[in-house]
């Protein structure tokens, strides 16, 4: 079996962390006035 390159392990390991971090930052920037359950993005 061939070994997996380090860059592949790094990118696959960082992807979930970066996605969750992006969602968290976006939620903080959006503020408490936006409720995704009751409002659409276009409001």
PDB file of N, CA and C in Angstrom:
ATOM      1  N   UNK A   1       0.838  -1.172   0.000  1.00  0.00           N
ATOM      2  CA  UNK A   1       0.000   0.000   0.000  1.00  0.00           C
ATOM      3  C   UNK A   1       0.891   1.246   0.000  1.00  0.00           C
ATOM      4  N   UNK A   2       0.514   2.243  -0.805  1.00  0.00           N
ATOM      5  CA  UNK A   2       1.290   3.479  -0.857  1.00  0.00           C
ATOM      6  C   UNK A   2       0.927   4.386   0.309  1.00  0.00           C
ATOM      7  N   UNK A   3       1.881   5.179   0.741  1.00  0.00           N
ATOM      8  CA  UNK A   3       1.602   6.112   1.828  1.00  0.00           C
ATOM      9  C   UNK A   3       0.912   7.362   1.275  1.00  0.00           C
ATOM     10  N   UNK A   4       0.166   7.995   2.127  1.00  0.00           N
ATOM     11  CA  UNK A   4      -0.574   9.202   1.751  1.00  0.00           C
ATOM     12  C   UNK A   4       0.337  10.405   1.947  1.00  0.00           C
ATOM     13  N   UNK A   5       0.370  11.336   0.978  1.00  0.00           N
ATOM     14  CA  UNK A   5       1.208  12.529   1.139  1.00  0.00           C
ATOM     15  C   UNK A   5       0.746  13.377   2.332  1.00  0.00           C
ATOM     16  N   UNK A   6       1.704  14.044   2.932  1.00  0.00           N
ATOM     17  CA  UNK A   6       1.383  14.873   4.105  1.00  0.00           C
ATOM     18  C   UNK A   6       0.412  15.995   3.777  1.00  0.00           C
ATOM     19  N   UNK A   7       0.540  16.589   2.573  1.00  0.00           N
ATOM     20  CA  UNK A   7      -0.354  17.694   2.223  1.00  0.00           C
ATOM     21  C   UNK A   7      -1.800  17.220   2.148  1.00  0.00           C
ATOM     22  N   UNK A   8      -2.025  15.974   1.758  1.00  0.00           N
ATOM     23  CA  UNK A   8      -3.390  15.445   1.699  1.00  0.00           C
ATOM     24  C   UNK A   8      -3.956  15.265   3.107  1.00  0.00           C
ATOM     25  N   UNK A   9      -3.141  14.765   4.010  1.00  0.00           N
ATOM     26  CA  UNK A   9      -3.588  14.620   5.395  1.00  0.00           C
ATOM     27  C   UNK A   9      -3.849  15.977   6.035  1.00  0.00           C
ATOM     28  N   UNK A  10      -2.978  16.934   5.754  1.00  0.00           N
ATOM     29  CA  UNK A  10      -3.142  18.273   6.317  1.00  0.00           C
ATOM     30  C   UNK A  10      -4.415  18.935   5.808  1.00  0.00           C
ATOM     31  N   UNK A  11      -4.646  18.876   4.505  1.00  0.00           N
ATOM     32  CA  UNK A  11      -5.832  19.527   3.951  1.00  0.00           C
ATOM     33  C   UNK A  11      -7.120  18.847   4.408  1.00  0.00           C
ATOM     34  N   UNK A  12      -7.120  17.529   4.484  1.00  0.00           N
ATOM     35  CA  UNK A  12      -8.330  16.832   4.928  1.00  0.00           C
ATOM     36  C   UNK A  12      -8.571  17.030   6.423  1.00  0.00           C
ATOM     37  N   UNK A  13      -7.527  17.234   7.180  1.00  0.00           N
ATOM     38  CA  UNK A  13      -7.693  17.491   8.606  1.00  0.00           C
ATOM     39  C   UNK A  13      -8.117  18.913   8.910  1.00  0.00           C
ATOM     40  N   UNK A  14      -7.642  19.856   8.112  1.00  0.00           N
ATOM     41  CA  UNK A  14      -7.959  21.267   8.348  1.00  0.00           C
ATOM     42  C   UNK A  14      -9.320  21.671   7.797  1.00  0.00           C
ATOM     43  N   UNK A  15      -9.817  20.988   6.794  1.00  0.00           N
ATOM     44  CA  UNK A  15     -11.072  21.380   6.154  1.00  0.00           C
ATOM     45  C   UNK A  15     -12.242  21.488   7.137  1.00  0.00           C
ATOM     46  N   UNK A  16     -12.511  20.503   7.974  1.00  0.00           N
ATOM     47  CA  UNK A  16     -13.640  20.647   8.909  1.00  0.00           C
ATOM     48  C   UNK A  16     -13.443  21.788   9.903  1.00  0.00           C
ATOM     49  N   UNK A  17     -12.208  21.984  10.343  1.00  0.00           N
ATOM     50  CA  UNK A  17     -11.945  23.065  11.295  1.00  0.00           C
ATOM     51  C   UNK A  17     -12.154  24.428  10.651  1.00  0.00           C
ATOM     52  N   UNK A  18     -11.678  24.587   9.422  1.00  0.00           N
ATOM     53  CA  UNK A  18     -11.839  25.860   8.733  1.00  0.00           C
ATOM     54  C   UNK A  18     -13.303  26.133   8.389  1.00  0.00           C
ATOM     55  N   UNK A  19     -14.046  25.107   8.015  1.00  0.00           N
ATOM     56  CA  UNK A  19     -15.468  25.293   7.726  1.00  0.00           C
ATOM     57  C   UNK A  19     -16.239  25.707   8.981  1.00  0.00           C
ATOM     58  N   UNK A  20     -16.008  25.014  10.073  1.00  0.00           N
ATOM     59  CA  UNK A  20     -16.693  25.357  11.322  1.00  0.00           C
ATOM     60  C   UNK A  20     -16.284  26.742  11.804  1.00  0.00           C
ATOM     61  N   UNK A  21     -15.007  27.078  11.647  1.00  0.00           N
ATOM     62  CA  UNK A  21     -14.551  28.415  12.016  1.00  0.00           C
ATOM     63  C   UNK A  21     -15.193  29.491  11.162  1.00  0.00           C
ATOM     64  N   UNK A  22     -15.338  29.225   9.882  1.00  0.00           N
ATOM     65  CA  UNK A  22     -15.992  30.182   8.987  1.00  0.00           C
ATOM     66  C   UNK A  22     -17.448  30.392   9.344  1.00  0.00           C
ATOM     67  N   UNK A  23     -18.144  29.303   9.660  1.00  0.00           N
ATOM     68  CA  UNK A  23     -19.541  29.426  10.072  1.00  0.00           C
ATOM     69  C   UNK A  23     -19.662  30.229  11.366  1.00  0.00           C
ATOM     70  N   UNK A  24     -18.743  30.023  12.294  1.00  0.00           N
ATOM     71  CA  UNK A  24     -18.777  30.742  13.565  1.00  0.00           C
ATOM     72  C   UNK A  24     -18.531  32.224  13.360  1.00  0.00           C
ATOM     73  N   UNK A  25     -17.536  32.562  12.555  1.00  0.00           N
ATOM     74  CA  UNK A  25     -17.240  33.973  12.278  1.00  0.00           C
ATOM     75  C   UNK A  25     -18.417  34.628  11.563  1.00  0.00           C
ATOM     76  N   UNK A  26     -19.015  33.938  10.605  1.00  0.00           N
ATOM     77  CA  UNK A  26     -20.165  34.492   9.888  1.00  0.00           C
ATOM     78  C   UNK A  26     -21.337  34.733  10.833  1.00  0.00           C
ATOM     79  N   UNK A  27     -21.567  33.823  11.762  1.00  0.00           N
ATOM     80  CA  UNK A  27     -22.655  33.996  12.726  1.00  0.00           C
ATOM     81  C   UNK A  27     -22.390  35.183  13.639  1.00  0.00           C
ATOM     82  N   UNK A  28     -21.140  35.369  14.032  1.00  0.00           N
ATOM     83  CA  UNK A  28     -20.802  36.511  14.882  1.00  0.00           C
ATOM     84  C   UNK A  28     -20.952  37.826  14.128  1.00  0.00           C
ATOM     85  N   UNK A  29     -20.571  37.846  12.862  1.00  0.00           N
ATOM     86  CA  UNK A  29     -20.687  39.065  12.065  1.00  0.00           C
ATOM     87  C   UNK A  29     -22.140  39.386  11.730  1.00  0.00           C
ATOM     88  N   UNK A  30     -22.971  38.378  11.599  1.00  0.00           N
ATOM     89  CA  UNK A  30     -24.383  38.593  11.264  1.00  0.00           C
ATOM     90  C   UNK A  30     -25.120  39.262  12.413  1.00  0.00           C
ATOM     91  N   UNK A  31     -24.783  38.926  13.618  1.00  0.00           N
ATOM     92  CA  UNK A  31     -25.397  39.551  14.781  1.00  0.00           C
ATOM     93  C   UNK A  31     -26.666  38.844  15.226  1.00  0.00           C
ATOM     94  N   UNK A  32     -27.197  39.255  16.367  1.00  0.00           N
ATOM     95  CA  UNK A  32     -28.362  38.586  16.945  1.00  0.00           C
ATOM     96  C   UNK A  32     -29.684  38.937  16.268  1.00  0.00           C
ATOM     97  N   UNK A  33     -29.727  39.959  15.414  1.00  0.00           N
ATOM     98  CA  UNK A  33     -30.991  40.385  14.804  1.00  0.00           C
ATOM     99  C   UNK A  33     -31.478  39.405  13.744  1.00  0.00           C
ATOM    100  N   UNK A  34     -30.604  38.589  13.208  1.00  0.00           N
ATOM    101  CA  UNK A  34     -30.993  37.651  12.150  1.00  0.00           C
ATOM    102  C   UNK A  34     -31.329  36.292  12.732  1.00  0.00           C
ATOM    103  N   UNK A  35     -32.518  35.796  12.417  1.00  0.00           N
ATOM    104  CA  UNK A  35     -32.945  34.468  12.847  1.00  0.00           C
ATOM    105  C   UNK A  35     -33.204  33.626  11.599  1.00  0.00           C
ATOM    106  N   UNK A  36     -32.330  32.658  11.288  1.00  0.00           N
ATOM    107  CA  UNK A  36     -32.483  31.889  10.059  1.00  0.00           C
ATOM    108  C   UNK A  36     -33.740  31.025  10.022  1.00  0.00           C
ATOM    109  N   UNK A  37     -34.379  30.815  11.160  1.00  0.00           N
ATOM    110  CA  UNK A  37     -35.597  30.012  11.186  1.00  0.00           C
ATOM    111  C   UNK A  37     -36.787  30.818  10.669  1.00  0.00           C
ATOM    112  N   UNK A  38     -36.822  32.114  10.978  1.00  0.00           N
ATOM    113  CA  UNK A  38     -37.983  32.931  10.618  1.00  0.00           C
ATOM    114  C   UNK A  38     -37.730  33.875   9.453  1.00  0.00           C
ATOM    115  N   UNK A  39     -36.483  34.170   9.106  1.00  0.00           N
ATOM    116  CA  UNK A  39     -36.171  35.119   8.041  1.00  0.00           C
ATOM    117  C   UNK A  39     -35.361  34.442   6.949  1.00  0.00           C
ATOM    118  N   UNK A  40     -35.537  34.944   5.732  1.00  0.00           N
ATOM    119  CA  UNK A  40     -34.704  34.474   4.636  1.00  0.00           C
ATOM    120  C   UNK A  40     -33.460  35.345   4.544  1.00  0.00           C
ATOM    121  N   UNK A  41     -32.488  34.911   3.769  1.00  0.00           N
ATOM    122  CA  UNK A  41     -31.256  35.684   3.614  1.00  0.00           C
ATOM    123  C   UNK A  41     -31.522  36.992   2.883  1.00  0.00           C
ATOM    124  N   UNK A  42     -32.522  37.013   1.994  1.00  0.00           N
ATOM    125  CA  UNK A  42     -32.776  38.193   1.174  1.00  0.00           C
ATOM    126  C   UNK A  42     -33.493  39.308   1.920  1.00  0.00           C
ATOM    127  N   UNK A  43     -33.850  39.122   3.183  1.00  0.00           N
ATOM    128  CA  UNK A  43     -34.551  40.159   3.950  1.00  0.00           C
ATOM    129  C   UNK A  43     -33.615  41.285   4.267  1.00  0.00           C
TER     130      UNK A  43
END
